[in-house]
Protein backbone atom coordinates (compact mmCIF):
# COMPACT_ATOMS: atom_id res chain seq x y z
CA UNK A 1 26.47 9.95 -21.07
CA UNK A 2 25.85 12.87 -18.58
CA UNK A 3 23.40 12.35 -15.04
CA UNK A 4 21.92 14.46 -13.40
CA UNK A 5 21.77 14.02 -9.21
CA UNK A 6 18.84 14.59 -6.86
CA UNK A 7 19.40 14.84 -3.06
CA UNK A 8 16.58 15.15 -0.22
CA UNK A 9 17.03 16.14 3.29
CA UNK A 10 14.07 15.21 5.49
CA UNK A 11 13.41 15.35 8.87
CA UNK A 12 15.04 12.03 10.32
CA UNK A 13 17.35 11.22 7.19
CA UNK A 14 18.85 12.13 3.91
CA UNK A 15 18.64 10.64 0.66
CA UNK A 16 20.36 10.55 -3.00
CA UNK A 17 19.14 9.42 -6.58
CA UNK A 18 21.04 9.70 -9.47
CA UNK A 19 19.13 9.38 -13.26
CA UNK A 20 20.38 9.48 -16.55
CA UNK A 21 18.63 11.45 -19.58
CA UNK A 22 15.75 9.16 -19.81
CA UNK A 23 14.94 9.20 -16.34
CA UNK A 24 16.07 5.58 -15.33
CA UNK A 25 17.35 5.08 -11.67
CA UNK A 26 21.09 4.58 -12.02
CA UNK A 27 22.30 4.96 -8.21
CA UNK A 28 20.55 5.55 -4.95
CA UNK A 29 21.89 6.12 -1.17
CA UNK A 30 20.43 6.95 1.74
CA UNK A 31 22.12 7.95 5.02
CA UNK A 32 19.86 8.55 8.53
CA UNK A 33 20.49 11.67 10.68
CA UNK A 34 20.50 12.10 14.31
CA UNK A 35 17.36 12.21 15.99
CA UNK A 36 16.69 16.55 16.25
CA UNK A 37 16.32 17.53 19.80
CA UNK A 38 14.14 20.55 20.49
CA UNK A 39 13.12 21.04 17.38
CA UNK A 40 16.49 21.56 16.54
CA UNK A 41 19.45 20.25 13.96
CA UNK A 42 22.64 20.81 13.40
CA UNK A 43 24.00 21.79 9.97
CA UNK A 44 27.26 19.93 10.84
CA UNK A 45 25.22 17.00 10.71
CA UNK A 46 23.68 17.65 7.54
CA UNK A 47 27.01 18.04 5.74
CA UNK A 48 28.45 13.99 7.98
CA UNK A 49 24.56 12.83 5.88
CA UNK A 50 25.71 14.59 2.37
CA UNK A 51 28.92 13.02 2.82
CA UNK A 52 27.95 9.51 3.53
CA UNK A 53 25.71 9.87 0.66
CA UNK A 54 28.26 10.87 -1.62
CA UNK A 55 30.86 8.03 -0.03
CA UNK A 56 27.74 5.43 -0.91
CA UNK A 57 27.46 6.69 -4.58
CA UNK A 58 31.07 6.98 -5.20
CA UNK A 59 31.56 2.92 -4.37
CA UNK A 60 28.40 2.65 -7.36
CA UNK A 61 29.56 5.14 -10.42
CA UNK A 62 32.09 6.57 -11.85
CA UNK A 63 30.49 10.76 -9.98
CA UNK A 64 32.30 12.82 -13.13
CA UNK A 65 29.58 12.01 -15.32
CA UNK A 66 27.12 13.79 -13.17
CA UNK A 67 26.35 17.43 -14.63
CA UNK A 68 23.95 18.80 -12.26
CA UNK A 69 23.03 18.49 -8.54
CA UNK A 70 19.55 19.65 -7.00
CA UNK A 71 18.76 19.30 -3.16
CA UNK A 72 15.75 19.48 -1.21
CA UNK A 73 14.94 20.53 2.41
CA UNK A 74 12.53 20.78 4.66
CA UNK A 75 10.53 24.13 4.34
CA UNK A 76 10.93 26.81 7.08
CA UNK A 77 14.10 25.36 8.57
CA UNK A 78 16.30 28.10 8.75
CA UNK A 79 19.67 28.90 10.31
CA UNK A 80 21.66 32.12 10.66
CA UNK A 81 25.31 32.06 8.95
CA UNK A 82 28.34 34.53 9.09
CA UNK A 83 29.65 36.67 5.64
CA UNK A 84 31.75 32.88 5.12
CA UNK A 85 29.07 31.04 5.22
CA UNK A 86 29.73 29.16 8.72
CA UNK A 87 27.10 28.77 10.94
CA UNK A 88 26.45 30.43 13.66
CA UNK A 89 23.05 29.36 14.85
CA UNK A 90 21.46 25.94 15.69
CA UNK A 91 18.92 25.10 12.08
CA UNK A 92 15.57 25.84 14.21
CA UNK A 93 12.92 23.19 11.91
CA UNK A 94 9.99 23.56 10.57
CA UNK A 95 8.04 22.32 13.64
CA UNK A 96 10.13 24.59 15.76
CA UNK A 97 6.97 26.97 18.04
CA UNK A 98 9.76 29.33 20.08
CA UNK A 99 9.25 32.27 17.86
CA UNK A 100 5.83 33.39 19.14
CA UNK A 101 7.11 36.89 19.98
CA UNK A 102 8.56 37.15 16.46
CA UNK A 103 5.59 36.13 14.89
CA UNK A 104 2.94 38.66 16.98
CA UNK A 105 5.64 41.23 15.55
CA UNK A 106 5.53 40.38 12.12
CA UNK A 107 1.20 40.48 12.27
CA UNK A 108 1.66 44.06 12.96
CA UNK A 109 3.36 44.82 9.51
CA UNK A 110 2.68 41.77 7.08
CA UNK A 111 -0.09 41.54 5.18
CA UNK A 112 -3.23 39.28 5.99
CA UNK A 113 -2.45 36.40 3.76
CA UNK A 114 1.30 36.43 3.51
CA UNK A 115 2.96 33.32 4.27
CA UNK A 116 5.60 35.14 6.52
CA UNK A 117 2.87 34.86 8.99
CA UNK A 118 2.43 32.54 11.84
CA UNK A 119 4.96 31.17 14.28
CA UNK A 120 6.21 28.53 12.22
CA UNK A 121 7.37 31.14 9.27
CA UNK A 122 10.96 30.78 8.23
CA UNK A 123 10.39 34.95 8.67
CA UNK A 124 9.79 34.64 12.91
CA UNK A 125 12.44 31.69 13.56
CA UNK A 126 14.61 34.27 11.76
CA UNK A 127 13.82 37.09 13.30
CA UNK A 128 14.37 35.16 16.68
CA UNK A 129 17.72 33.93 16.00
CA UNK A 130 18.60 37.48 15.30
CA UNK A 131 17.88 38.02 18.93
CA UNK A 132 21.11 35.99 19.61
CA UNK A 133 23.41 37.22 17.52
CA UNK A 134 24.94 40.49 15.80
CA UNK A 135 27.49 38.57 13.61
CA UNK A 136 24.97 37.56 11.27
CA UNK A 137 25.11 37.88 7.41
CA UNK A 138 23.01 35.71 6.09
CA UNK A 139 19.94 34.14 6.47
CA UNK A 140 19.51 30.54 5.07
CA UNK A 141 17.13 27.75 5.10
CA UNK A 142 18.34 23.91 4.84
CA UNK A 143 18.36 23.57 1.24
CA UNK A 144 19.82 26.84 1.10
CA UNK A 145 22.96 26.06 3.22
CA UNK A 146 23.82 23.00 1.90
CA UNK A 147 23.74 24.13 -1.70
CA UNK A 148 25.46 27.34 -0.73
CA UNK A 149 28.19 25.50 0.61
CA UNK A 150 28.69 23.02 -2.33
CA UNK A 151 29.22 25.60 -4.83
CA UNK A 152 31.29 27.89 -2.17
CA UNK A 153 28.61 31.10 -2.48
CA UNK A 154 26.48 31.98 -0.32
CA UNK A 155 23.23 34.41 0.08
CA UNK A 156 21.06 32.27 -2.04
CA UNK A 157 17.51 30.40 -2.25
CA UNK A 158 14.46 29.59 -4.41
CA UNK A 159 11.04 30.33 -4.83
CA UNK A 160 9.86 28.10 -2.81
CA UNK A 161 12.09 28.00 0.01
CA UNK A 162 11.73 31.71 0.49
CA UNK A 163 8.01 31.89 0.62
CA UNK A 164 7.53 31.90 4.23
CA UNK A 165 10.77 34.10 4.78
CA UNK A 166 8.72 37.15 3.18
CA UNK A 167 9.10 36.55 -0.63
CA UNK A 168 6.11 37.36 -3.22
CA UNK A 169 6.75 34.97 -6.37
CA UNK A 170 3.81 36.80 -7.99
CA UNK A 171 6.03 40.09 -8.57
CA UNK A 172 9.11 38.08 -7.77
CA UNK A 173 10.28 40.31 -5.08
CA UNK A 174 10.38 40.76 -0.69
CA UNK A 175 7.37 42.07 0.37
CA UNK A 176 7.61 46.16 0.88
CA UNK A 177 7.10 45.70 4.43
CA UNK A 178 9.76 43.67 5.24
CA UNK A 179 12.87 46.15 5.63
CA UNK A 180 10.58 47.18 8.81
CA UNK A 181 11.86 44.38 10.44
CA UNK A 182 15.07 42.99 9.14
CA UNK A 183 17.87 44.21 7.40
CA UNK A 184 17.58 43.03 3.66
CA UNK A 185 21.10 42.39 3.09
CA UNK A 186 20.53 39.63 5.30
CA UNK A 187 17.98 38.47 3.02
CA UNK A 188 19.06 35.46 0.41
CA UNK A 189 19.12 36.28 -3.59
CA UNK A 190 16.03 34.39 -4.87
CA UNK A 191 16.23 32.33 -8.08
CA UNK A 192 13.83 29.60 -9.80
CA UNK A 193 13.89 26.33 -8.39
CA UNK A 194 16.23 24.46 -10.76
CA UNK A 195 18.38 27.07 -12.67
CA UNK A 196 22.27 27.14 -11.94
CA UNK A 197 23.76 28.78 -9.15
CA UNK A 198 27.44 28.33 -10.24
CA UNK A 199 30.12 25.60 -10.62
CA UNK A 200 30.64 23.46 -7.52
CA UNK A 201 33.53 24.74 -5.38
CA UNK A 202 37.14 22.56 -6.62
CA UNK A 203 37.37 21.53 -2.63
CA UNK A 204 34.00 19.07 -2.81
CA UNK A 205 34.67 18.08 -6.47
CA UNK A 206 38.20 16.37 -5.22
CA UNK A 207 36.84 15.45 -1.87
CA UNK A 208 34.08 13.19 -3.89
CA UNK A 209 35.79 12.55 -7.27
CA UNK A 210 32.87 14.93 -9.32
CA UNK A 211 33.14 16.56 -12.45
CA UNK A 212 34.84 20.19 -11.87
CA UNK A 213 31.85 21.54 -13.88
CA UNK A 214 28.94 19.90 -12.28
CA UNK A 215 25.85 22.60 -11.67
CA UNK A 216 25.07 23.15 -8.61
CA UNK A 217 20.98 24.24 -9.03
CA UNK A 218 18.69 26.50 -6.97
CA UNK A 219 16.73 23.85 -4.69
CA UNK A 220 12.85 23.23 -3.58
CA UNK A 221 11.19 22.29 -0.67
CA UNK A 222 11.13 18.18 0.27
CA UNK A 223 7.10 18.23 -0.05
CA UNK A 224 7.25 20.10 -3.76
CA UNK A 225 10.08 17.57 -4.61
CA UNK A 226 7.74 14.75 -3.36
CA UNK A 227 5.13 16.17 -5.34
CA UNK A 228 7.53 16.31 -8.82
CA UNK A 229 8.49 12.64 -8.08
CA UNK A 230 4.74 11.26 -8.62
CA UNK A 231 4.41 12.40 -12.22
CA UNK A 232 1.93 14.64 -11.57
CA UNK A 233 2.52 17.88 -14.20
CA UNK A 234 -1.00 19.07 -15.35
CA UNK A 235 -3.44 21.31 -13.92
CA UNK A 236 -5.71 19.31 -11.75
CA UNK A 237 -2.70 16.58 -10.76
CA UNK A 238 -3.50 16.42 -7.33
CA UNK A 239 -1.48 14.29 -5.20
CA UNK A 240 -2.82 13.29 -1.44
CA UNK A 241 0.03 12.06 1.44
CA UNK A 242 -1.27 9.45 3.47
CA UNK A 243 1.02 10.11 5.80
CA UNK A 244 1.04 10.83 9.63
CA UNK A 245 -0.98 13.57 8.72
CA UNK A 246 -2.95 14.50 5.31
CA UNK A 247 -1.49 16.67 2.80
CA UNK A 248 -3.33 17.73 0.17
CA UNK A 249 -2.00 19.62 -3.18
CA UNK A 250 -3.17 19.96 -6.37
CA UNK A 251 -1.78 22.21 -9.67
CA UNK A 252 -3.11 25.42 -10.21
CA UNK A 253 -3.07 27.92 -12.76
CA UNK A 254 -3.55 30.55 -10.20
CA UNK A 255 -1.95 30.81 -6.94
CA UNK A 256 -4.52 31.01 -3.85
CA UNK A 257 -3.05 32.03 -0.41
CA UNK A 258 -5.15 31.60 2.56
CA UNK A 259 -3.10 31.22 5.63
CA UNK A 260 -5.83 31.06 7.95
CA UNK A 261 -6.75 27.73 6.51
CA UNK A 262 -2.46 26.84 6.14
CA UNK A 263 -2.99 26.83 2.22
CA UNK A 264 -0.28 28.28 0.10
CA UNK A 265 1.05 28.26 -3.03
CA UNK A 266 4.73 27.25 -4.56
CA UNK A 267 5.38 28.68 -8.19
CA UNK A 268 6.46 25.99 -10.26
CA UNK A 269 7.58 27.30 -13.99
CA UNK A 270 3.93 28.56 -15.27
CA UNK A 271 1.59 26.77 -13.01
CA UNK A 272 1.04 27.15 -8.99
CA UNK A 273 1.53 24.00 -6.49
CA UNK A 274 -1.43 24.62 -3.76
CA UNK A 275 -1.95 23.08 -1.08
CA UNK A 276 -3.15 22.38 2.65
CA UNK A 277 -2.43 20.11 5.63
CA UNK A 278 -4.79 18.22 8.00
CA UNK A 279 -3.91 17.26 11.24
CA UNK A 280 -5.88 13.98 10.53
CA UNK A 281 -3.84 10.84 9.08
CA UNK A 282 -1.68 7.88 10.14
CA UNK A 283 -0.63 8.88 12.95
CA UNK A 284 -3.79 8.15 14.28
CA UNK A 285 -4.49 4.77 12.92
CA UNK A 286 -1.75 3.66 14.63
CA UNK A 287 -2.22 5.24 17.83
CA UNK A 288 -4.62 2.20 18.28
CA UNK A 289 -3.34 -0.12 15.66
CA UNK A 290 0.01 -2.02 14.73
CA UNK A 291 0.94 -2.12 10.80
CA UNK A 292 0.06 -5.62 11.55
CA UNK A 293 -3.20 -5.04 13.24
CA UNK A 294 -4.64 -2.19 10.14
CA UNK A 295 -3.68 -5.02 7.21
CA UNK A 296 -5.35 -7.86 9.34
CA UNK A 297 -8.32 -5.79 9.93
CA UNK A 298 -8.79 -4.46 6.30
CA UNK A 299 -9.57 -7.55 5.20
CA UNK A 300 -12.89 -7.67 7.30
CA UNK A 301 -14.03 -4.44 6.03
CA UNK A 302 -17.21 -4.62 3.85
CA UNK A 303 -17.22 -1.11 2.17
CA UNK A 304 -20.43 -1.68 0.40
CA UNK A 305 -22.28 -1.61 4.03
CA UNK A 306 -23.31 1.76 4.97
CA UNK A 307 -20.81 3.30 7.79
CA UNK A 308 -22.75 5.02 10.71
CA UNK A 309 -19.74 6.49 12.25
CA UNK A 310 -19.33 10.61 11.67
CA UNK A 311 -15.50 10.46 12.80
CA UNK A 312 -13.41 13.10 12.86
CA UNK A 313 -9.96 11.32 13.35
CA UNK A 314 -7.18 13.53 15.51
CA UNK A 315 -5.15 12.66 18.17
CA UNK A 316 -5.70 15.95 20.14
CA UNK A 317 -7.88 18.82 20.05
CA UNK A 318 -6.98 21.06 17.29
CA UNK A 319 -7.17 20.99 13.54
CA UNK A 320 -5.51 23.29 10.65
CA UNK A 321 -7.71 22.27 7.55
CA UNK A 322 -9.69 22.08 6.13
CA UNK A 323 -11.19 23.23 8.82
CA UNK A 324 -8.90 26.16 10.95
CA UNK A 325 -9.93 25.34 14.67
CA UNK A 326 -6.81 25.67 17.45
CA UNK A 327 -9.40 23.48 19.77
CA UNK A 328 -11.18 21.58 17.25
CA UNK A 329 -12.22 18.40 19.22
CA UNK A 330 -11.35 15.02 18.06
CA UNK A 331 -14.37 12.77 17.47
CA UNK A 332 -13.82 9.31 18.15
CA UNK A 333 -17.35 7.71 19.47
CA UNK A 334 -19.09 5.68 20.02
CA UNK A 335 -16.67 2.76 19.17
CA UNK A 336 -18.22 -0.13 18.20
CA UNK A 337 -16.94 -3.57 19.75
CA UNK A 338 -15.22 -5.15 16.76
CA UNK A 339 -12.00 -3.12 16.01
CA UNK A 340 -12.88 -3.93 12.38
CA UNK A 341 -15.78 -1.62 12.14
CA UNK A 342 -13.63 1.50 14.60
CA UNK A 343 -10.49 1.15 11.42
CA UNK A 344 -14.22 1.64 9.00
CA UNK A 345 -14.93 4.75 10.87
CA UNK A 346 -11.77 6.00 10.64
CA UNK A 347 -10.78 5.18 7.22
CA UNK A 348 -14.20 6.92 6.11
CA UNK A 349 -13.92 9.97 7.99
CA UNK A 350 -10.18 10.87 6.99
CA UNK A 351 -11.40 10.26 3.14
CA UNK A 352 -14.33 12.67 4.20
CA UNK A 353 -11.27 15.13 5.09
CA UNK A 354 -9.86 14.67 2.17
CA UNK A 355 -12.47 15.19 -0.30
CA UNK A 356 -13.73 18.09 1.93
CA UNK A 357 -10.05 19.53 1.71
CA UNK A 358 -10.45 19.41 -2.27
CA UNK A 359 -13.72 20.93 -2.24
CA UNK A 360 -12.19 23.63 0.35
CA UNK A 361 -9.06 24.43 -2.21
CA UNK A 362 -11.70 24.45 -5.52
CA UNK A 363 -13.78 27.17 -3.54
CA UNK A 364 -10.78 29.10 -3.06
CA UNK A 365 -10.10 29.09 -6.20
CA UNK A 366 -8.05 26.02 -7.21
CA UNK A 367 -9.13 23.10 -10.01
CA UNK A 368 -11.20 20.31 -8.99
CA UNK A 369 -9.00 17.47 -9.23
CA UNK A 370 -8.77 15.23 -12.09
CA UNK A 371 -5.87 13.11 -11.89
CA UNK A 372 -4.89 11.93 -8.21
CA UNK A 373 -2.12 10.45 -7.38
CA UNK A 374 -1.34 9.05 -3.48
CA UNK A 375 1.95 8.81 -1.55
CA UNK A 376 2.96 7.75 1.88
CA UNK A 377 2.60 4.38 3.75
CA UNK A 378 -1.43 4.52 3.68
CA UNK A 379 -1.42 3.90 0.15
CA UNK A 380 -0.50 0.34 1.09
CA UNK A 381 -4.39 -0.07 2.56
CA UNK A 382 -6.61 -1.48 -0.31
CA UNK A 383 -9.46 -0.73 1.53
CA UNK A 384 -8.69 2.80 2.23
CA UNK A 385 -8.01 2.95 -1.47
CA UNK A 386 -11.44 1.86 -2.90
CA UNK A 387 -12.82 4.55 -0.20
CA UNK A 388 -11.21 7.33 -1.61
CA UNK A 389 -11.78 6.25 -5.20
CA UNK A 390 -15.56 5.86 -4.73
CA UNK A 391 -15.96 9.17 -2.21
CA UNK A 392 -13.54 11.52 -4.61
CA UNK A 393 -14.92 9.99 -8.04
CA UNK A 394 -11.87 9.23 -9.67
CA UNK A 395 -9.77 6.83 -10.32
CA UNK A 396 -6.30 6.71 -7.93
CA UNK A 397 -3.56 6.61 -10.67
CA UNK A 398 -0.29 4.66 -10.01
CA UNK A 399 2.88 5.77 -8.52
CA UNK A 400 6.30 4.51 -9.56
CA UNK A 401 8.19 6.80 -7.74
CA UNK A 402 7.28 8.61 -4.68
CA UNK A 403 10.67 9.96 -3.38
CA UNK A 404 11.45 13.22 -2.80
CA UNK A 405 15.05 12.69 -4.56
CA UNK A 406 13.84 11.22 -7.50
CA UNK A 407 11.80 14.30 -7.50
CA UNK A 408 14.91 16.54 -7.17
CA UNK A 409 16.48 14.65 -9.91
CA UNK A 410 13.51 14.86 -12.02
CA UNK A 411 13.61 19.09 -11.48
CA UNK A 412 17.25 18.67 -11.77
CA UNK A 413 16.56 17.49 -15.66
CA UNK A 414 14.27 19.33 -16.34
């Protein structure tokens, strides 16, 4: 028998899933990560989390049966490493905004539709970090550093993580203007997600009791792995993540890049995963109601009655998608007397944003959603689901799995 291991690194924790050839769950494990400080994380904390996962799995099964391992990590989380792969800097996380000067420099060279544009891009963080050391040999993302360390070879990445570093997945080359900003030998060699990087290092095979022939595969981003976990696989399959924010993704036969709306495309085999994210979402709901309140109040909402409130639910001014306006104001008034009515207005407002988001993606060239899946805490609210089905005109597909680690394991399997 042979198994695959998918490992997901998120903001606050990491998780591992072992699957057999029939996609059946054999074992899983999870471990928290220390709270990030100033939008930074320590690679050593990641490695401690990985060690915790492996020790938990070792107690559940014979790890020599694992033949492939694939890691996903948070997008645009970047560090610098020396020639031996040792970290020289903390990792600047996806939500770090300290690279404003570097982003301004990039804007003078990059194409307008380049995903490397913006303060949150991998390239902006890399240039910012390079100002702090002259000993760097590699620019690596979270998933890169972890997978590279596992196989004892550094300087490898994948299409998805390298996208915002200036890699063009359409031509499968680095953008030509990059050489004016960064030494190209610092950039990783880019592979297709799921392709083999090499066998696990004998050191780690011995440490955890792994098969020395276990193959370390090129990884992906956590959001891509979460999409794959749902089972979405055909053009027109869409996934809305109803988490703290609203994240929309759809499989398309053609790539779409509209950085002005935060819309990018990740290459997935012969398809493209197109997506955008709104600042609205569950964080707004939690600012007004507890989980228990949301459940109780939802039971008093009658969606057969018209909703007279035209809210645009935001915690503060500023929206990314489907409207791009850093000063776009929240609209949360007038507030009705009944809390259930207020919640109805909030849910309806978010549903309108979701519908408008898919319309924008369609106008940009993506297909209309044919099958719609949902992930995140919002999927536990049946009223919200009914509203969404009615407004989007689609029956929501059931999702048995939504963990990114499961999606990483599926990618390793196929």
